[in-house]
Amino acid sequence: MAYVLQADKLATSREAAVQKLASSVRDLIVIDASFSSDGDWTPAEIETIRAGKSGRRVVAYVSIGEAEDYRPYWQKSWDADKDGKPDATAPKFLNTENPDWKGNYRVRYWRPEWQQLMLPAVDKVVAQGFDGIYLDIVDAFEFYEYDAATKDWIDDRLNPETGKTYRQDMIAWVSTIAQRARATHPGFLVIPQNASQLIAHADYREVISAIGVEDLFVVGKKLRTEKQSRFVVNFLQQLQSSGKPVLVIDYPKSEAIHAAAFEAAAKQGFTLLLTDRQLTTLGASK
């Protein structure tokens, strides 16, 4: 597996980046739908990357749980003063800025206005020739499950706007994306990142093709204990039982733990990628 969101930093030119991805030995390559500010990947570039290895799949990264102020759909008037809070004229789906990621705003992902804004992005990656879509911020429901009064998270918290839980709303959103893409591209891969709790739902396991999970085996320069990883692993094994791959992305700060991390992943039967958190390199994968 390769996971490169800043392909413009992978090589000295766009053409060189294409060739570096094409010549890699990875079976699955996740890249942003756009190369950089230079524009979207072309169908010819996607085909060149895919053709570099027999059976390779090339998948487009798309965030579906936050609005990003560097994407084409963003309107400066949504937060003109850049205080991290939507202005009065901003769409109702827009929520506050994520304090951990400047320029990324939480959204009410269940609202039709947000979904209608994002579905054309799904159409675009299909038209570009990607084999699938890699969905980020699927765990956006966790923000809405937090209860400020008790300072704790409430599992399966009810969304008063829909009458369903925030988790069910996210499953429905992922299902809508899958249906949209597969209507014109049967077999289109749908791979969510994180939100392993949703795997407990059979309808979710059925609609997704695999799952990507970050920070499972490694924390900084250390390996997590089995006890620390067990909560997430228990969910992942349910998907694994359905015959679907588990892809782990870890960001070690020391090469000394690489071997132990790969051993931990192999023990579970998971594919592991060790890479930089900025996602500028091919990293190492087994």
C-alpha atoms as a PDB file:
ATOM      1  CA  MET A   1       0.000   0.000   0.000  1.00  0.00           C
ATOM      2  CA  ALA A   2       1.067   3.596  -0.671  1.00  0.00           C
ATOM      3  CA  TYR A   3      -0.698   6.669   0.728  1.00  0.00           C
ATOM      4  CA  VAL A   4       0.574   9.942  -0.717  1.00  0.00           C
ATOM      5  CA  LEU A   5      -1.540  13.077  -0.362  1.00  0.00           C
ATOM      6  CA  GLN A   6       1.204  15.560  -1.209  1.00  0.00           C
ATOM      7  CA  ALA A   7       2.394  14.070  -4.470  1.00  0.00           C
ATOM      8  CA  ASP A   8       3.989  17.374  -5.472  1.00  0.00           C
ATOM      9  CA  LYS A   9       6.560  16.695  -2.728  1.00  0.00           C
ATOM     10  CA  LEU A  10       7.182  13.109  -3.807  1.00  0.00           C
ATOM     11  CA  ALA A  11       9.354  14.107  -6.769  1.00  0.00           C
ATOM     12  CA  THR A  12      10.792  17.153  -8.518  1.00  0.00           C
ATOM     13  CA  SER A  13       8.062  17.308 -11.167  1.00  0.00           C
ATOM     14  CA  ARG A  14       4.561  16.105 -11.840  1.00  0.00           C
ATOM     15  CA  GLU A  15       5.804  13.676 -14.487  1.00  0.00           C
ATOM     16  CA  ALA A  16       8.442  12.328 -12.117  1.00  0.00           C
ATOM     17  CA  ALA A  17       5.796  11.824  -9.410  1.00  0.00           C
ATOM     18  CA  VAL A  18       3.680   9.802 -11.830  1.00  0.00           C
ATOM     19  CA  GLN A  19       6.654   7.634 -12.742  1.00  0.00           C
ATOM     20  CA  LYS A  20       7.669   7.144  -9.107  1.00  0.00           C
ATOM     21  CA  LEU A  21       4.177   5.976  -8.200  1.00  0.00           C
ATOM     22  CA  ALA A  22       3.973   3.787 -11.305  1.00  0.00           C
ATOM     23  CA  SER A  23       7.310   2.102 -10.609  1.00  0.00           C
ATOM     24  CA  SER A  24       6.552   1.387  -6.958  1.00  0.00           C
ATOM     25  CA  VAL A  25       5.725  -2.200  -6.039  1.00  0.00           C
ATOM     26  CA  ARG A  26       2.502  -1.326  -4.197  1.00  0.00           C
ATOM     27  CA  ASP A  27      -0.773  -3.066  -5.054  1.00  0.00           C
ATOM     28  CA  LEU A  28      -2.926  -0.208  -3.746  1.00  0.00           C
ATOM     29  CA  ILE A  29      -2.115   3.469  -4.125  1.00  0.00           C
ATOM     30  CA  VAL A  30      -4.128   6.193  -2.388  1.00  0.00           C
ATOM     31  CA  ILE A  31      -3.621   9.718  -3.708  1.00  0.00           C
ATOM     32  CA  ASP A  32      -5.557  12.953  -3.456  1.00  0.00           C
ATOM     33  CA  ALA A  33      -7.979  13.495  -6.326  1.00  0.00           C
ATOM     34  CA  SER A  34      -5.843  16.523  -7.252  1.00  0.00           C
ATOM     35  CA  PHE A  35      -2.112  16.467  -7.863  1.00  0.00           C
ATOM     36  CA  SER A  36      -1.731  19.895  -6.273  1.00  0.00           C
ATOM     37  CA  SER A  37      -2.729  23.452  -7.061  1.00  0.00           C
ATOM     38  CA  ASP A  38      -1.695  22.513 -10.611  1.00  0.00           C
ATOM     39  CA  GLY A  39      -5.007  20.688 -10.922  1.00  0.00           C
ATOM     40  CA  ASP A  40      -6.586  17.255 -10.945  1.00  0.00           C
ATOM     41  CA  TRP A  41      -4.893  14.059 -12.000  1.00  0.00           C
ATOM     42  CA  THR A  42      -5.771  13.263 -15.600  1.00  0.00           C
ATOM     43  CA  PRO A  43      -7.218   9.914 -16.695  1.00  0.00           C
ATOM     44  CA  ALA A  44      -3.976   9.278 -18.605  1.00  0.00           C
ATOM     45  CA  GLU A  45      -1.894   9.840 -15.456  1.00  0.00           C
ATOM     46  CA  ILE A  46      -4.111   7.533 -13.430  1.00  0.00           C
ATOM     47  CA  GLU A  47      -3.809   4.860 -16.107  1.00  0.00           C
ATOM     48  CA  THR A  48      -0.010   5.220 -16.176  1.00  0.00           C
ATOM     49  CA  ILE A  49       0.152   4.758 -12.409  1.00  0.00           C
ATOM     50  CA  ARG A  50      -2.205   1.776 -12.543  1.00  0.00           C
ATOM     51  CA  ALA A  51      -0.356   0.107 -15.413  1.00  0.00           C
ATOM     52  CA  GLY A  52       2.890   0.083 -13.440  1.00  0.00           C
ATOM     53  CA  LYS A  53       1.900  -3.164 -11.758  1.00  0.00           C
ATOM     54  CA  SER A  54      -0.557  -5.862 -12.751  1.00  0.00           C
ATOM     55  CA  GLY A  55      -3.709  -5.815 -10.639  1.00  0.00           C
ATOM     56  CA  ARG A  56      -2.918  -2.485  -9.032  1.00  0.00           C
ATOM     57  CA  ARG A  57      -5.782  -0.266  -7.834  1.00  0.00           C
ATOM     58  CA  VAL A  58      -5.521   3.518  -7.650  1.00  0.00           C
ATOM     59  CA  VAL A  59      -7.888   5.175  -5.183  1.00  0.00           C
ATOM     60  CA  ALA A  60      -8.788   8.847  -4.652  1.00  0.00           C
ATOM     61  CA  TYR A  61      -8.748  10.493  -1.227  1.00  0.00           C
ATOM     62  CA  VAL A  62     -11.846  12.570  -0.417  1.00  0.00           C
ATOM     63  CA  SER A  63     -12.818  14.049   2.946  1.00  0.00           C
ATOM     64  CA  ILE A  64     -16.559  13.664   3.561  1.00  0.00           C
ATOM     65  CA  GLY A  65     -16.856  14.771   7.188  1.00  0.00           C
ATOM     66  CA  GLU A  66     -15.194  18.174   7.069  1.00  0.00           C
ATOM     67  CA  ALA A  67     -15.175  21.106   4.678  1.00  0.00           C
ATOM     68  CA  GLU A  68     -11.700  22.191   3.592  1.00  0.00           C
ATOM     69  CA  ASP A  69     -11.110  25.842   2.757  1.00  0.00           C
ATOM     70  CA  TYR A  70      -8.631  24.977  -0.015  1.00  0.00           C
ATOM     71  CA  ARG A  71     -11.141  22.948  -2.064  1.00  0.00           C
ATOM     72  CA  PRO A  72     -12.961  24.365  -5.129  1.00  0.00           C
ATOM     73  CA  TYR A  73     -16.360  24.276  -3.403  1.00  0.00           C
ATOM     74  CA  TRP A  74     -15.256  26.586  -0.566  1.00  0.00           C
ATOM     75  CA  GLN A  75     -16.636  30.133  -0.507  1.00  0.00           C
ATOM     76  CA  LYS A  76     -14.606  32.798   1.322  1.00  0.00           C
ATOM     77  CA  SER A  77     -17.844  34.336   2.579  1.00  0.00           C
ATOM     78  CA  TRP A  78     -18.461  31.263   4.716  1.00  0.00           C
ATOM     79  CA  ASP A  79     -15.868  32.551   7.203  1.00  0.00           C
ATOM     80  CA  ALA A  80     -14.753  35.905   5.835  1.00  0.00           C
ATOM     81  CA  ASP A  81     -13.092  37.033   9.059  1.00  0.00           C
ATOM     82  CA  LYS A  82     -11.358  33.645   9.477  1.00  0.00           C
ATOM     83  CA  ASP A  83     -12.249  33.343  13.126  1.00  0.00           C
ATOM     84  CA  GLY A  84     -13.058  29.641  12.785  1.00  0.00           C
ATOM     85  CA  LYS A  85     -16.785  30.234  13.128  1.00  0.00           C
ATOM     86  CA  PRO A  86     -19.227  30.232  10.185  1.00  0.00           C
ATOM     87  CA  ASP A  87     -20.483  33.670   9.231  1.00  0.00           C
ATOM     88  CA  ALA A  88     -24.211  34.439   9.250  1.00  0.00           C
ATOM     89  CA  THR A  89     -24.572  33.764   5.520  1.00  0.00           C
ATOM     90  CA  ALA A  90     -22.694  30.440   5.609  1.00  0.00           C
ATOM     91  CA  PRO A  91     -24.641  27.279   4.725  1.00  0.00           C
ATOM     92  CA  LYS A  92     -26.343  25.565   7.651  1.00  0.00           C
ATOM     93  CA  PHE A  93     -24.267  22.423   7.227  1.00  0.00           C
ATOM     94  CA  LEU A  94     -21.074  24.286   8.191  1.00  0.00           C
ATOM     95  CA  ASN A  95     -19.858  23.998  11.777  1.00  0.00           C
ATOM     96  CA  THR A  96     -16.782  25.287  13.608  1.00  0.00           C
ATOM     97  CA  GLU A  97     -13.191  24.907  12.508  1.00  0.00           C
ATOM     98  CA  ASN A  98     -11.313  21.844  13.723  1.00  0.00           C
ATOM     99  CA  PRO A  99      -8.730  23.279  16.177  1.00  0.00           C
ATOM    100  CA  ASP A 100      -6.277  20.524  15.234  1.00  0.00           C
ATOM    101  CA  TRP A 101      -6.436  21.193  11.479  1.00  0.00           C
ATOM    102  CA  LYS A 102      -6.508  24.815  10.401  1.00  0.00           C
ATOM    103  CA  GLY A 103      -8.778  25.395   7.418  1.00  0.00           C
ATOM    104  CA  ASN A 104     -10.838  22.260   8.086  1.00  0.00           C
ATOM    105  CA  TYR A 105     -14.382  22.880   9.283  1.00  0.00           C
ATOM    106  CA  ARG A 106     -16.674  20.319  10.809  1.00  0.00           C
ATOM    107  CA  VAL A 107     -19.920  19.782   8.927  1.00  0.00           C
ATOM    108  CA  ARG A 108     -23.384  18.422   9.616  1.00  0.00           C
ATOM    109  CA  TYR A 109     -22.720  15.594   7.192  1.00  0.00           C
ATOM    110  CA  TRP A 110     -26.295  14.324   7.205  1.00  0.00           C
ATOM    111  CA  ARG A 111     -27.676  17.518   5.680  1.00  0.00           C
ATOM    112  CA  PRO A 112     -28.729  17.241   2.005  1.00  0.00           C
ATOM    113  CA  GLU A 113     -26.974  20.522   1.119  1.00  0.00           C
ATOM    114  CA  TRP A 114     -23.584  19.109   2.145  1.00  0.00           C
ATOM    115  CA  GLN A 115     -24.177  15.825   0.385  1.00  0.00           C
ATOM    116  CA  GLN A 116     -25.288  17.506  -2.827  1.00  0.00           C
ATOM    117  CA  LEU A 117     -22.124  19.611  -2.677  1.00  0.00           C
ATOM    118  CA  MET A 118     -19.896  16.555  -2.279  1.00  0.00           C
ATOM    119  CA  LEU A 119     -21.499  14.046  -4.619  1.00  0.00           C
ATOM    120  CA  PRO A 120     -20.117  15.794  -7.725  1.00  0.00           C
ATOM    121  CA  ALA A 121     -16.657  15.123  -6.239  1.00  0.00           C
ATOM    122  CA  VAL A 122     -17.554  11.433  -6.280  1.00  0.00           C
ATOM    123  CA  ASP A 123     -18.647  11.730  -9.902  1.00  0.00           C
ATOM    124  CA  LYS A 124     -15.352  13.439 -10.703  1.00  0.00           C
ATOM    125  CA  VAL A 125     -13.105  10.710  -9.307  1.00  0.00           C
ATOM    126  CA  VAL A 126     -15.104   8.112 -11.232  1.00  0.00           C
ATOM    127  CA  ALA A 127     -14.650  10.143 -14.417  1.00  0.00           C
ATOM    128  CA  GLN A 128     -10.922  10.545 -13.728  1.00  0.00           C
ATOM    129  CA  GLY A 129     -10.543   6.787 -13.918  1.00  0.00           C
ATOM    130  CA  PHE A 130      -9.886   5.958 -10.278  1.00  0.00           C
ATOM    131  CA  ASP A 131     -10.698   2.447  -9.089  1.00  0.00           C
ATOM    132  CA  GLY A 132     -12.194   3.622  -5.835  1.00  0.00           C
ATOM    133  CA  ILE A 133     -12.517   6.305  -3.218  1.00  0.00           C
ATOM    134  CA  TYR A 134     -10.783   6.599   0.155  1.00  0.00           C
ATOM    135  CA  LEU A 135     -13.078   8.406   2.573  1.00  0.00           C
ATOM    136  CA  ASP A 136     -11.640  10.500   5.379  1.00  0.00           C
ATOM    137  CA  ILE A 137     -13.305  11.971   8.480  1.00  0.00           C
ATOM    138  CA  VAL A 138     -15.845   9.162   8.556  1.00  0.00           C
ATOM    139  CA  ASP A 139     -15.396   9.396  12.320  1.00  0.00           C
ATOM    140  CA  ALA A 140     -17.031  12.851  12.280  1.00  0.00           C
ATOM    141  CA  PHE A 141     -19.923  11.370  14.247  1.00  0.00           C
ATOM    142  CA  GLU A 142     -17.691  11.290  17.343  1.00  0.00           C
ATOM    143  CA  PHE A 143     -17.753  15.099  17.550  1.00  0.00           C
ATOM    144  CA  TYR A 144     -21.534  15.020  17.816  1.00  0.00           C
ATOM    145  CA  GLU A 145     -21.536  12.176  20.322  1.00  0.00           C
ATOM    146  CA  TYR A 146     -19.618  14.294  22.829  1.00  0.00           C
ATOM    147  CA  ASP A 147     -21.827  15.566  25.648  1.00  0.00           C
ATOM    148  CA  ALA A 148     -20.556  18.856  27.054  1.00  0.00           C
ATOM    149  CA  ALA A 149     -22.645  18.526  30.207  1.00  0.00           C
ATOM    150  CA  THR A 150     -21.132  15.214  31.294  1.00  0.00           C
ATOM    151  CA  LYS A 151     -17.818  15.780  29.468  1.00  0.00           C
ATOM    152  CA  ASP A 152     -18.085  12.306  28.025  1.00  0.00           C
ATOM    153  CA  TRP A 153     -18.996  10.561  24.780  1.00  0.00           C
ATOM    154  CA  ILE A 154     -22.394   8.921  24.319  1.00  0.00           C
ATOM    155  CA  ASP A 155     -22.285   5.903  22.009  1.00  0.00           C
ATOM    156  CA  ASP A 156     -25.114   5.785  19.471  1.00  0.00           C
ATOM    157  CA  ARG A 157     -26.313   9.231  20.468  1.00  0.00           C
ATOM    158  CA  LEU A 158     -29.529  10.286  18.754  1.00  0.00           C
ATOM    159  CA  ASN A 159     -29.428  13.073  16.189  1.00  0.00           C
ATOM    160  CA  PRO A 160     -32.530  15.231  16.838  1.00  0.00           C
ATOM    161  CA  GLU A 161     -32.470  16.470  13.231  1.00  0.00           C
ATOM    162  CA  THR A 162     -32.875  13.005  11.707  1.00  0.00           C
ATOM    163  CA  GLY A 163     -34.300  10.835  14.454  1.00  0.00           C
ATOM    164  CA  LYS A 164     -31.463   8.356  13.884  1.00  0.00           C
ATOM    165  CA  THR A 165     -28.115   8.031  15.599  1.00  0.00           C
ATOM    166  CA  TYR A 166     -25.155  10.029  14.354  1.00  0.00           C
ATOM    167  CA  ARG A 167     -23.541   6.699  13.477  1.00  0.00           C
ATOM    168  CA  GLN A 168     -26.517   5.609  11.400  1.00  0.00           C
ATOM    169  CA  ASP A 169     -26.415   8.956   9.609  1.00  0.00           C
ATOM    170  CA  MET A 170     -22.762   8.389   8.692  1.00  0.00           C
ATOM    171  CA  ILE A 171     -23.452   4.846   7.492  1.00  0.00           C
ATOM    172  CA  ALA A 172     -26.242   6.225   5.313  1.00  0.00           C
ATOM    173  CA  TRP A 173     -23.887   8.888   3.926  1.00  0.00           C
ATOM    174  CA  VAL A 174     -21.197   6.331   3.047  1.00  0.00           C
ATOM    175  CA  SER A 175     -23.866   4.125   1.469  1.00  0.00           C
ATOM    176  CA  THR A 176     -25.106   7.045  -0.644  1.00  0.00           C
ATOM    177  CA  ILE A 177     -21.566   7.622  -1.915  1.00  0.00           C
ATOM    178  CA  ALA A 178     -21.134   3.932  -2.736  1.00  0.00           C
ATOM    179  CA  GLN A 179     -24.430   3.790  -4.611  1.00  0.00           C
ATOM    180  CA  ARG A 180     -23.591   6.936  -6.558  1.00  0.00           C
ATOM    181  CA  ALA A 181     -20.209   5.643  -7.710  1.00  0.00           C
ATOM    182  CA  ARG A 182     -21.271   2.074  -8.382  1.00  0.00           C
ATOM    183  CA  ALA A 183     -24.199   3.176 -10.513  1.00  0.00           C
ATOM    184  CA  THR A 184     -21.698   3.982 -13.277  1.00  0.00           C
ATOM    185  CA  HIS A 185     -18.694   1.951 -12.079  1.00  0.00           C
ATOM    186  CA  PRO A 186     -19.778  -1.437 -10.654  1.00  0.00           C
ATOM    187  CA  GLY A 187     -17.187  -2.783  -8.267  1.00  0.00           C
ATOM    188  CA  PHE A 188     -15.934   0.692  -7.359  1.00  0.00           C
ATOM    189  CA  LEU A 189     -13.936   0.435  -4.133  1.00  0.00           C
ATOM    190  CA  VAL A 190     -15.184   2.336  -1.094  1.00  0.00           C
ATOM    191  CA  ILE A 191     -12.601   2.461   1.683  1.00  0.00           C
ATOM    192  CA  PRO A 192     -13.326   4.506   4.811  1.00  0.00           C
ATOM    193  CA  GLN A 193     -10.566   5.641   7.147  1.00  0.00           C
ATOM    194  CA  ASN A 194     -10.909   5.043  10.901  1.00  0.00           C
ATOM    195  CA  ALA A 195     -14.368   4.943  12.585  1.00  0.00           C
ATOM    196  CA  SER A 196     -13.901   1.233  13.284  1.00  0.00           C
ATOM    197  CA  GLN A 197     -16.962   1.270  15.572  1.00  0.00           C
ATOM    198  CA  LEU A 198     -19.202   1.355  12.506  1.00  0.00           C
ATOM    199  CA  ILE A 199     -18.015  -2.126  11.534  1.00  0.00           C
ATOM    200  CA  ALA A 200     -20.371  -3.468  14.204  1.00  0.00           C
ATOM    201  CA  HIS A 201     -23.204  -2.681  11.755  1.00  0.00           C
ATOM    202  CA  ALA A 202     -23.778  -5.416   9.171  1.00  0.00           C
ATOM    203  CA  ASP A 203     -25.050  -2.976   6.527  1.00  0.00           C
ATOM    204  CA  TYR A 204     -21.825  -0.990   6.838  1.00  0.00           C
ATOM    205  CA  ARG A 205     -19.648  -4.089   6.513  1.00  0.00           C
ATOM    206  CA  GLU A 206     -21.563  -5.000   3.384  1.00  0.00           C
ATOM    207  CA  VAL A 207     -21.157  -1.658   1.622  1.00  0.00           C
ATOM    208  CA  ILE A 208     -17.456  -0.989   2.249  1.00  0.00           C
ATOM    209  CA  SER A 209     -14.621  -2.738   0.404  1.00  0.00           C
ATOM    210  CA  ALA A 210     -11.932  -2.460   3.096  1.00  0.00           C
ATOM    211  CA  ILE A 211     -10.948  -0.121   5.910  1.00  0.00           C
ATOM    212  CA  GLY A 212      -7.938   2.079   6.575  1.00  0.00           C
ATOM    213  CA  VAL A 213      -6.974   2.646  10.213  1.00  0.00           C
ATOM    214  CA  GLU A 214      -4.379   5.049  11.569  1.00  0.00           C
ATOM    215  CA  ASP A 215      -2.194   4.841  14.685  1.00  0.00           C
ATOM    216  CA  LEU A 216      -3.047   1.250  15.567  1.00  0.00           C
ATOM    217  CA  PHE A 217       0.316  -0.305  16.422  1.00  0.00           C
ATOM    218  CA  VAL A 218       2.621   2.676  16.889  1.00  0.00           C
ATOM    219  CA  VAL A 219       2.634   5.782  19.065  1.00  0.00           C
ATOM    220  CA  GLY A 220       5.667   7.993  18.503  1.00  0.00           C
ATOM    221  CA  LYS A 221       8.794   5.926  19.103  1.00  0.00           C
ATOM    222  CA  LYS A 222       7.007   3.074  20.843  1.00  0.00           C
ATOM    223  CA  LEU A 223       4.861   0.110  19.941  1.00  0.00           C
ATOM    224  CA  ARG A 224       1.407   0.002  21.481  1.00  0.00           C
ATOM    225  CA  THR A 225       0.651  -2.998  23.670  1.00  0.00           C
ATOM    226  CA  GLU A 226      -1.897  -5.556  22.490  1.00  0.00           C
ATOM    227  CA  LYS A 227      -4.174  -4.342  25.271  1.00  0.00           C
ATOM    228  CA  GLN A 228      -4.015  -0.767  23.934  1.00  0.00           C
ATOM    229  CA  SER A 229      -4.898  -1.883  20.394  1.00  0.00           C
ATOM    230  CA  ARG A 230      -7.468  -4.523  21.345  1.00  0.00           C
ATOM    231  CA  PHE A 231     -10.578  -2.298  21.315  1.00  0.00           C
ATOM    232  CA  VAL A 232     -10.057  -1.332  17.668  1.00  0.00           C
ATOM    233  CA  VAL A 233      -8.707  -4.736  16.606  1.00  0.00           C
ATOM    234  CA  ASN A 234     -11.889  -6.428  17.817  1.00  0.00           C
ATOM    235  CA  PHE A 235     -13.916  -4.375  15.331  1.00  0.00           C
ATOM    236  CA  LEU A 236     -11.407  -4.868  12.530  1.00  0.00           C
ATOM    237  CA  GLN A 237     -11.556  -8.627  12.928  1.00  0.00           C
ATOM    238  CA  GLN A 238     -15.289  -8.503  12.219  1.00  0.00           C
ATOM    239  CA  LEU A 239     -14.558  -6.972   8.818  1.00  0.00           C
ATOM    240  CA  GLN A 240     -11.701  -9.389   8.265  1.00  0.00           C
ATOM    241  CA  SER A 241     -14.148 -12.241   8.849  1.00  0.00           C
ATOM    242  CA  SER A 242     -16.130 -10.891   5.903  1.00  0.00           C
ATOM    243  CA  GLY A 243     -13.063 -11.413   3.720  1.00  0.00           C
ATOM    244  CA  LYS A 244     -12.290  -7.702   3.422  1.00  0.00           C
ATOM    245  CA  PRO A 245      -8.808  -6.191   3.891  1.00  0.00           C
ATOM    246  CA  VAL A 246      -7.658  -4.174   6.853  1.00  0.00           C
ATOM    247  CA  LEU A 247      -5.114  -1.483   5.953  1.00  0.00           C
ATOM    248  CA  VAL A 248      -3.169   0.074   8.813  1.00  0.00           C
ATOM    249  CA  ILE A 249      -1.285   3.363   8.497  1.00  0.00           C
ATOM    250  CA  ASP A 250       1.150   4.159  11.286  1.00  0.00           C
ATOM    251  CA  TYR A 251       3.543   7.078  11.692  1.00  0.00           C
ATOM    252  CA  PRO A 252       6.608   5.908  13.632  1.00  0.00           C
ATOM    253  CA  LYS A 253       9.201   8.402  14.805  1.00  0.00           C
ATOM    254  CA  SER A 254      11.922   5.762  15.005  1.00  0.00           C
ATOM    255  CA  GLU A 255      13.018   3.143  12.476  1.00  0.00           C
ATOM    256  CA  ALA A 256      14.010   0.927  15.388  1.00  0.00           C
ATOM    257  CA  ILE A 257      10.402  -0.186  15.851  1.00  0.00           C
ATOM    258  CA  HIS A 258       9.639  -0.918  12.184  1.00  0.00           C
ATOM    259  CA  ALA A 259      10.305  -4.650  12.431  1.00  0.00           C
ATOM    260  CA  ALA A 260       8.190  -5.041  15.565  1.00  0.00           C
ATOM    261  CA  ALA A 261       5.337  -3.077  13.990  1.00  0.00           C
ATOM    262  CA  PHE A 262       5.343  -5.261  10.884  1.00  0.00           C
ATOM    263  CA  GLU A 263       5.388  -8.341  13.099  1.00  0.00           C
ATOM    264  CA  ALA A 264       2.360  -7.097  15.034  1.00  0.00           C
ATOM    265  CA  ALA A 265       0.450  -6.442  11.794  1.00  0.00           C
ATOM    266  CA  ALA A 266       1.371  -9.827  10.324  1.00  0.00           C
ATOM    267  CA  LYS A 267       0.103 -11.508  13.486  1.00  0.00           C
ATOM    268  CA  GLN A 268      -3.336 -10.021  12.829  1.00  0.00           C
ATOM    269  CA  GLY A 269      -3.229 -10.543   9.059  1.00  0.00           C
ATOM    270  CA  PHE A 270      -3.354  -6.790   8.391  1.00  0.00           C
ATOM    271  CA  THR A 271      -1.479  -4.810   5.736  1.00  0.00           C
ATOM    272  CA  LEU A 272       0.720  -2.160   7.351  1.00  0.00           C
ATOM    273  CA  LEU A 273       2.136   1.056   5.930  1.00  0.00           C
ATOM    274  CA  LEU A 274       4.765   2.948   7.905  1.00  0.00           C
ATOM    275  CA  THR A 275       5.062   6.481   6.582  1.00  0.00           C
ATOM    276  CA  ASP A 276       5.353  10.175   7.451  1.00  0.00           C
ATOM    277  CA  ARG A 277       2.285  11.910   8.872  1.00  0.00           C
ATOM    278  CA  GLN A 278       2.466  14.558   6.147  1.00  0.00           C
ATOM    279  CA  LEU A 279       2.036  11.737   3.587  1.00  0.00           C
ATOM    280  CA  THR A 280       4.735  12.962   1.238  1.00  0.00           C
ATOM    281  CA  THR A 281       6.607   9.674   0.704  1.00  0.00           C
ATOM    282  CA  LEU A 282       5.977   6.071  -0.290  1.00  0.00           C
ATOM    283  CA  GLY A 283       6.989   4.860   3.156  1.00  0.00           C
ATOM    284  CA  ALA A 284       7.444   1.134   3.798  1.00  0.00           C
ATOM    285  CA  SER A 285       4.671  -1.431   3.511  1.00  0.00           C
ATOM    286  CA  LYS A 286       4.071  -5.150   4.041  1.00  0.00           C
END
